């Protein structure tokens, strides 16, 4: 498996730019039909994110575009090490980057709360390599360990420290925030389980309480963020105003309140361009019930 990803990275970097940009759209249709169970799950998620009166044909089109978005994510990520600082800077616009700068000026670190959407790795590489900002990224451990190690090494070359989700992740996140660094948390899926009950995209589920807990305990700014693919290889980074993490009750009450605010912000970011939301796993209790 690791060898396949290595090969994929080599092929992606060898592709001429126009072919690399066109390939996701070409590959989306066969991929969506080959991965039928994934297509079914993405289709469920599209129905949640799109307007309620969206017809079946439009949902199918959005589902296929989600596969194209995911393909672009991988091709682009594999090609990132070949990008110069100038190319990275010219390839992204972040109108409200001031929220990040203001948060860092207070010295308690920044938590970027992101959905699985668009091309956030471009922004991460831009911030780490061009702006010289240390980045810590918490990710789901994957098997086999050799594959995870390869991904961790790959991202470390992009200037990011990779922390596997697990018992030691909290300590490493706290250390990064204490050092006034940036921590990226993909938080639209409760991977570890035991999360906070929320209403998310008009249906009850759980989301991880870690982002809220860390912000409440450390005083770090909690900024909902998404990076959208644009035309011609460009990107738009959308940074939302900081979520209010002032203490108002018990820690459990505050974590619940802040996590629900995170859910609302994630809804906003996803619904801005649902076709770029590439979440392929079950995310609501009904997803699991309907699979049985």
Protein backbone atom coordinates (compact mmCIF):
# COMPACT_ATOMS: atom_id res chain seq x y z
CA UNK A 1 0.00 0.00 0.00
CA UNK A 2 2.79 2.44 0.91
CA UNK A 3 4.50 1.68 -2.39
CA UNK A 4 1.30 2.62 -4.25
CA UNK A 5 1.15 6.01 -2.54
CA UNK A 6 4.82 6.60 -3.28
CA UNK A 7 4.18 5.76 -6.92
CA UNK A 8 1.13 8.02 -6.95
CA UNK A 9 3.21 10.88 -5.61
CA UNK A 10 5.87 10.38 -8.27
CA UNK A 11 3.29 10.23 -11.07
CA UNK A 12 1.43 13.30 -9.79
CA UNK A 13 4.64 15.34 -9.71
CA UNK A 14 5.54 14.25 -13.23
CA UNK A 15 2.24 15.36 -14.75
CA UNK A 16 2.19 18.57 -16.79
CA UNK A 17 0.15 21.28 -15.07
CA UNK A 18 -2.82 21.26 -17.50
CA UNK A 19 -3.16 17.47 -17.25
CA UNK A 20 -2.93 17.55 -13.45
CA UNK A 21 -5.73 20.13 -13.36
CA UNK A 22 -7.94 18.19 -15.78
CA UNK A 23 -7.41 14.72 -14.33
CA UNK A 24 -9.72 15.05 -11.28
CA UNK A 25 -12.71 15.82 -13.50
CA UNK A 26 -11.88 12.92 -15.82
CA UNK A 27 -11.33 10.45 -12.98
CA UNK A 28 -14.37 11.44 -10.92
CA UNK A 29 -16.94 9.43 -12.87
CA UNK A 30 -15.11 6.05 -12.97
CA UNK A 31 -14.02 6.45 -9.35
CA UNK A 32 -17.51 7.19 -8.13
CA UNK A 33 -18.85 4.08 -9.87
CA UNK A 34 -16.00 1.82 -8.84
CA UNK A 35 -16.34 2.81 -5.17
CA UNK A 36 -20.06 2.21 -4.88
CA UNK A 37 -20.30 2.06 -1.08
CA UNK A 38 -18.34 5.30 -0.81
CA UNK A 39 -20.52 6.89 -3.48
CA UNK A 40 -23.63 5.96 -1.53
CA UNK A 41 -22.24 7.57 1.64
CA UNK A 42 -21.12 10.73 -0.12
CA UNK A 43 -24.56 10.98 -1.70
CA UNK A 44 -26.13 10.88 1.77
CA UNK A 45 -23.84 13.67 2.91
CA UNK A 46 -24.60 15.75 -0.19
CA UNK A 47 -28.32 15.50 0.56
CA UNK A 48 -27.63 16.90 4.03
CA UNK A 49 -25.47 19.77 2.78
CA UNK A 50 -27.44 20.82 -0.30
CA UNK A 51 -30.73 22.75 -0.15
CA UNK A 52 -33.65 20.46 0.81
CA UNK A 53 -35.39 20.93 -2.55
CA UNK A 54 -32.37 19.70 -4.56
CA UNK A 55 -33.45 17.06 -7.09
CA UNK A 56 -31.87 13.62 -7.47
CA UNK A 57 -29.96 14.53 -10.63
CA UNK A 58 -28.31 17.51 -8.94
CA UNK A 59 -27.40 15.38 -5.92
CA UNK A 60 -25.75 12.84 -8.23
CA UNK A 61 -23.79 15.60 -9.95
CA UNK A 62 -22.67 17.01 -6.60
CA UNK A 63 -21.60 13.53 -5.50
CA UNK A 64 -19.46 13.08 -8.60
CA UNK A 65 -17.91 16.53 -8.06
CA UNK A 66 -17.04 15.54 -4.51
CA UNK A 67 -14.98 12.67 -5.94
CA UNK A 68 -13.30 15.16 -8.28
CA UNK A 69 -12.53 17.41 -5.33
CA UNK A 70 -10.99 14.53 -3.41
CA UNK A 71 -8.89 13.51 -6.41
CA UNK A 72 -7.67 17.08 -6.79
CA UNK A 73 -6.80 17.12 -3.09
CA UNK A 74 -4.43 14.15 -3.50
CA UNK A 75 -2.88 15.24 -6.78
CA UNK A 76 -2.30 18.72 -5.46
CA UNK A 77 -0.92 17.51 -2.14
CA UNK A 78 1.56 15.21 -3.87
CA UNK A 79 2.72 18.10 -6.05
CA UNK A 80 3.12 20.59 -3.19
CA UNK A 81 6.83 19.89 -2.48
CA UNK A 82 7.63 21.11 -5.99
CA UNK A 83 5.96 24.51 -5.41
CA UNK A 84 8.07 27.59 -4.77
CA UNK A 85 7.19 30.13 -2.10
CA UNK A 86 6.10 32.53 -4.81
CA UNK A 87 3.76 29.95 -6.34
CA UNK A 88 2.27 29.16 -2.95
CA UNK A 89 1.64 32.82 -2.16
CA UNK A 90 0.20 33.59 -5.59
CA UNK A 91 -2.03 30.51 -5.45
CA UNK A 92 -4.03 31.47 -2.37
CA UNK A 93 -6.07 34.41 -1.16
CA UNK A 94 -6.98 34.71 2.53
CA UNK A 95 -9.03 37.90 2.97
CA UNK A 96 -9.48 37.55 6.73
CA UNK A 97 -6.02 36.30 7.65
CA UNK A 98 -5.97 39.08 10.23
CA UNK A 99 -7.86 36.78 12.61
CA UNK A 100 -4.85 34.46 12.67
CA UNK A 101 -2.40 37.33 13.14
CA UNK A 102 -4.50 38.90 15.92
CA UNK A 103 -4.73 35.58 17.72
CA UNK A 104 -0.99 34.94 17.52
CA UNK A 105 -0.31 38.41 18.87
CA UNK A 106 -2.08 37.42 22.11
CA UNK A 107 0.40 34.58 22.61
CA UNK A 108 -1.90 31.65 23.41
CA UNK A 109 -1.75 29.86 20.08
CA UNK A 110 -4.39 29.22 17.45
CA UNK A 111 -6.69 26.26 16.81
CA UNK A 112 -7.97 26.06 13.24
CA UNK A 113 -11.17 23.98 13.19
CA UNK A 114 -11.61 22.56 9.70
CA UNK A 115 -13.98 20.31 7.78
CA UNK A 116 -12.75 17.68 5.31
CA UNK A 117 -13.13 20.12 2.47
CA UNK A 118 -11.11 21.56 -0.40
CA UNK A 119 -7.34 21.82 -0.23
CA UNK A 120 -6.27 22.79 3.26
CA UNK A 121 -2.77 21.35 2.79
CA UNK A 122 -1.93 24.15 0.34
CA UNK A 123 -2.72 26.70 3.06
CA UNK A 124 -0.79 24.69 5.63
CA UNK A 125 2.30 24.56 3.42
CA UNK A 126 1.94 28.28 2.65
CA UNK A 127 1.72 29.19 6.33
CA UNK A 128 4.56 26.88 7.38
CA UNK A 129 7.05 27.53 4.58
CA UNK A 130 6.28 31.08 3.46
CA UNK A 131 5.08 32.64 6.74
CA UNK A 132 7.41 30.50 8.90
CA UNK A 133 4.62 29.52 11.30
CA UNK A 134 5.01 26.17 13.10
CA UNK A 135 2.04 23.91 12.34
CA UNK A 136 0.79 20.89 14.25
CA UNK A 137 -1.73 18.65 12.48
CA UNK A 138 -3.70 15.98 14.33
CA UNK A 139 -4.70 13.11 12.05
CA UNK A 140 -6.36 9.72 12.28
CA UNK A 141 -3.85 6.84 12.57
CA UNK A 142 -3.94 4.61 9.51
CA UNK A 143 -2.78 1.08 8.84
CA UNK A 144 -0.25 -0.23 8.17
CA UNK A 145 2.08 1.86 10.40
CA UNK A 146 4.54 2.17 7.51
CA UNK A 147 1.91 4.07 5.53
CA UNK A 148 1.21 6.43 8.43
CA UNK A 149 4.95 7.04 8.86
CA UNK A 150 5.23 7.84 5.16
CA UNK A 151 2.40 10.38 5.40
CA UNK A 152 3.94 11.89 8.53
CA UNK A 153 7.30 12.22 6.79
CA UNK A 154 5.63 13.67 3.70
CA UNK A 155 3.82 16.34 5.72
CA UNK A 156 6.87 17.11 7.84
CA UNK A 157 8.63 18.05 4.60
CA UNK A 158 5.82 20.55 4.09
CA UNK A 159 6.65 22.10 7.46
CA UNK A 160 3.93 20.37 9.48
CA UNK A 161 4.29 18.28 12.63
CA UNK A 162 1.93 15.31 12.44
CA UNK A 163 0.38 14.03 15.66
CA UNK A 164 -1.67 10.80 15.55
CA UNK A 165 -5.04 10.96 17.27
CA UNK A 166 -4.65 9.11 20.56
CA UNK A 167 -3.94 9.36 24.26
CA UNK A 168 -0.85 11.55 23.85
CA UNK A 169 -2.36 13.97 21.33
CA UNK A 170 -3.75 16.31 24.00
CA UNK A 171 -0.36 16.83 25.61
CA UNK A 172 1.30 17.58 22.28
CA UNK A 173 -1.47 20.00 21.29
CA UNK A 174 -1.20 21.80 24.62
CA UNK A 175 2.56 22.13 24.20
CA UNK A 176 2.18 23.57 20.72
CA UNK A 177 -0.39 26.11 21.90
CA UNK A 178 1.79 27.05 24.89
CA UNK A 179 4.52 27.82 22.35
CA UNK A 180 2.04 30.07 20.49
CA UNK A 181 1.86 27.78 17.49
CA UNK A 182 -0.97 26.84 15.14
CA UNK A 183 -2.85 23.57 15.55
CA UNK A 184 -5.07 22.23 12.74
CA UNK A 185 -7.95 19.99 13.78
CA UNK A 186 -10.25 18.34 11.26
CA UNK A 187 -13.37 18.20 13.39
CA UNK A 188 -16.42 17.39 11.28
CA UNK A 189 -16.19 13.69 12.21
CA UNK A 190 -16.09 12.06 15.64
CA UNK A 191 -13.38 9.52 14.84
CA UNK A 192 -12.53 8.46 18.39
CA UNK A 193 -16.16 8.30 19.55
CA UNK A 194 -17.53 9.65 22.81
CA UNK A 195 -17.93 13.15 21.40
CA UNK A 196 -20.42 15.89 22.15
CA UNK A 197 -24.01 15.63 20.97
CA UNK A 198 -24.82 18.36 18.45
CA UNK A 199 -27.25 19.22 15.70
CA UNK A 200 -25.11 19.16 12.58
CA UNK A 201 -26.58 19.73 9.12
CA UNK A 202 -30.06 19.40 10.62
CA UNK A 203 -29.49 15.96 12.14
CA UNK A 204 -28.26 14.86 15.55
CA UNK A 205 -24.82 13.29 15.82
CA UNK A 206 -21.63 13.77 17.83
CA UNK A 207 -18.58 15.87 17.07
CA UNK A 208 -15.23 15.81 18.88
CA UNK A 209 -15.09 17.99 21.98
CA UNK A 210 -11.30 18.30 21.82
CA UNK A 211 -11.15 21.65 19.96
CA UNK A 212 -13.48 23.27 22.49
CA UNK A 213 -11.75 21.70 25.48
CA UNK A 214 -8.27 22.76 24.37
CA UNK A 215 -9.41 26.32 23.62
CA UNK A 216 -11.15 26.62 27.00
CA UNK A 217 -8.17 25.26 28.90
CA UNK A 218 -5.40 27.13 27.09
CA UNK A 219 -7.04 30.39 26.01
CA UNK A 220 -6.12 29.65 22.40
CA UNK A 221 -8.22 31.29 19.69
CA UNK A 222 -10.64 28.86 18.04
CA UNK A 223 -11.01 29.84 14.38
CA UNK A 224 -13.36 27.93 12.04
CA UNK A 225 -11.52 27.69 8.73
CA UNK A 226 -11.85 26.18 5.26
CA UNK A 227 -9.72 26.28 2.13
CA UNK A 228 -11.72 26.13 -1.10
CA UNK A 229 -10.42 25.08 -4.48
CA UNK A 230 -10.69 27.81 -7.07
CA UNK A 231 -10.23 27.86 -10.85
CA UNK A 232 -6.82 27.54 -12.50
CA UNK A 233 -5.22 25.95 -9.47
CA UNK A 234 -6.05 28.81 -7.11
CA UNK A 235 -7.45 28.69 -3.58
CA UNK A 236 -9.57 30.75 -1.22
CA UNK A 237 -8.86 30.51 2.49
CA UNK A 238 -11.87 31.48 4.58
CA UNK A 239 -11.10 32.24 8.23
CA UNK A 240 -14.12 32.94 10.37
CA UNK A 241 -14.18 35.19 13.46
CA UNK A 242 -13.02 33.48 16.67
CA UNK A 243 -15.62 31.49 18.58
CA UNK A 244 -16.36 32.82 22.05
CA UNK A 245 -14.56 30.51 24.49
CA UNK A 246 -15.08 32.58 27.62
CA UNK A 247 -15.96 30.43 30.64
CA UNK A 248 -19.63 30.70 31.55
CA UNK A 249 -20.40 27.46 33.43
CA UNK A 250 -18.89 24.10 34.28
CA UNK A 251 -16.26 22.74 31.92
CA UNK A 252 -18.74 20.16 30.62
CA UNK A 253 -21.34 22.83 29.94
CA UNK A 254 -18.81 25.07 28.22
CA UNK A 255 -17.40 22.27 26.06
CA UNK A 256 -20.95 21.40 24.97
CA UNK A 257 -21.79 25.02 24.21
CA UNK A 258 -18.59 25.70 22.24
CA UNK A 259 -18.80 22.41 20.30
CA UNK A 260 -22.32 23.31 19.21
CA UNK A 261 -21.00 26.66 17.99
CA UNK A 262 -18.28 24.79 16.08
CA UNK A 263 -21.00 22.63 14.48
CA UNK A 264 -22.84 25.75 13.31
CA UNK A 265 -19.66 27.17 11.79
CA UNK A 266 -18.83 23.90 10.04
CA UNK A 267 -22.33 23.90 8.54
CA UNK A 268 -21.71 27.38 7.17
CA UNK A 269 -18.35 26.43 5.68
CA UNK A 270 -19.62 23.18 4.12
CA UNK A 271 -22.79 24.67 2.69
CA UNK A 272 -20.77 27.41 1.05
CA UNK A 273 -19.56 24.75 -1.42
CA UNK A 274 -20.85 21.24 -0.57
CA UNK A 275 -19.31 19.69 -3.68
CA UNK A 276 -15.85 20.23 -2.20
CA UNK A 277 -16.73 18.34 1.00
CA UNK A 278 -15.03 14.98 0.64
CA UNK A 279 -16.21 13.01 3.65
CA UNK A 280 -16.55 9.35 2.69
CA UNK A 281 -17.28 7.72 6.07
CA UNK A 282 -20.49 7.36 8.10
CA UNK A 283 -20.94 10.46 10.23
CA UNK A 284 -24.46 10.20 11.68
CA UNK A 285 -26.15 7.34 13.57
CA UNK A 286 -28.60 6.91 10.70
CA UNK A 287 -25.70 6.22 8.33
CA UNK A 288 -24.87 3.09 10.31
CA UNK A 289 -28.48 1.99 10.79
CA UNK A 290 -29.24 2.19 7.09
CA UNK A 291 -26.17 0.07 6.27
CA UNK A 292 -27.36 -2.89 8.31
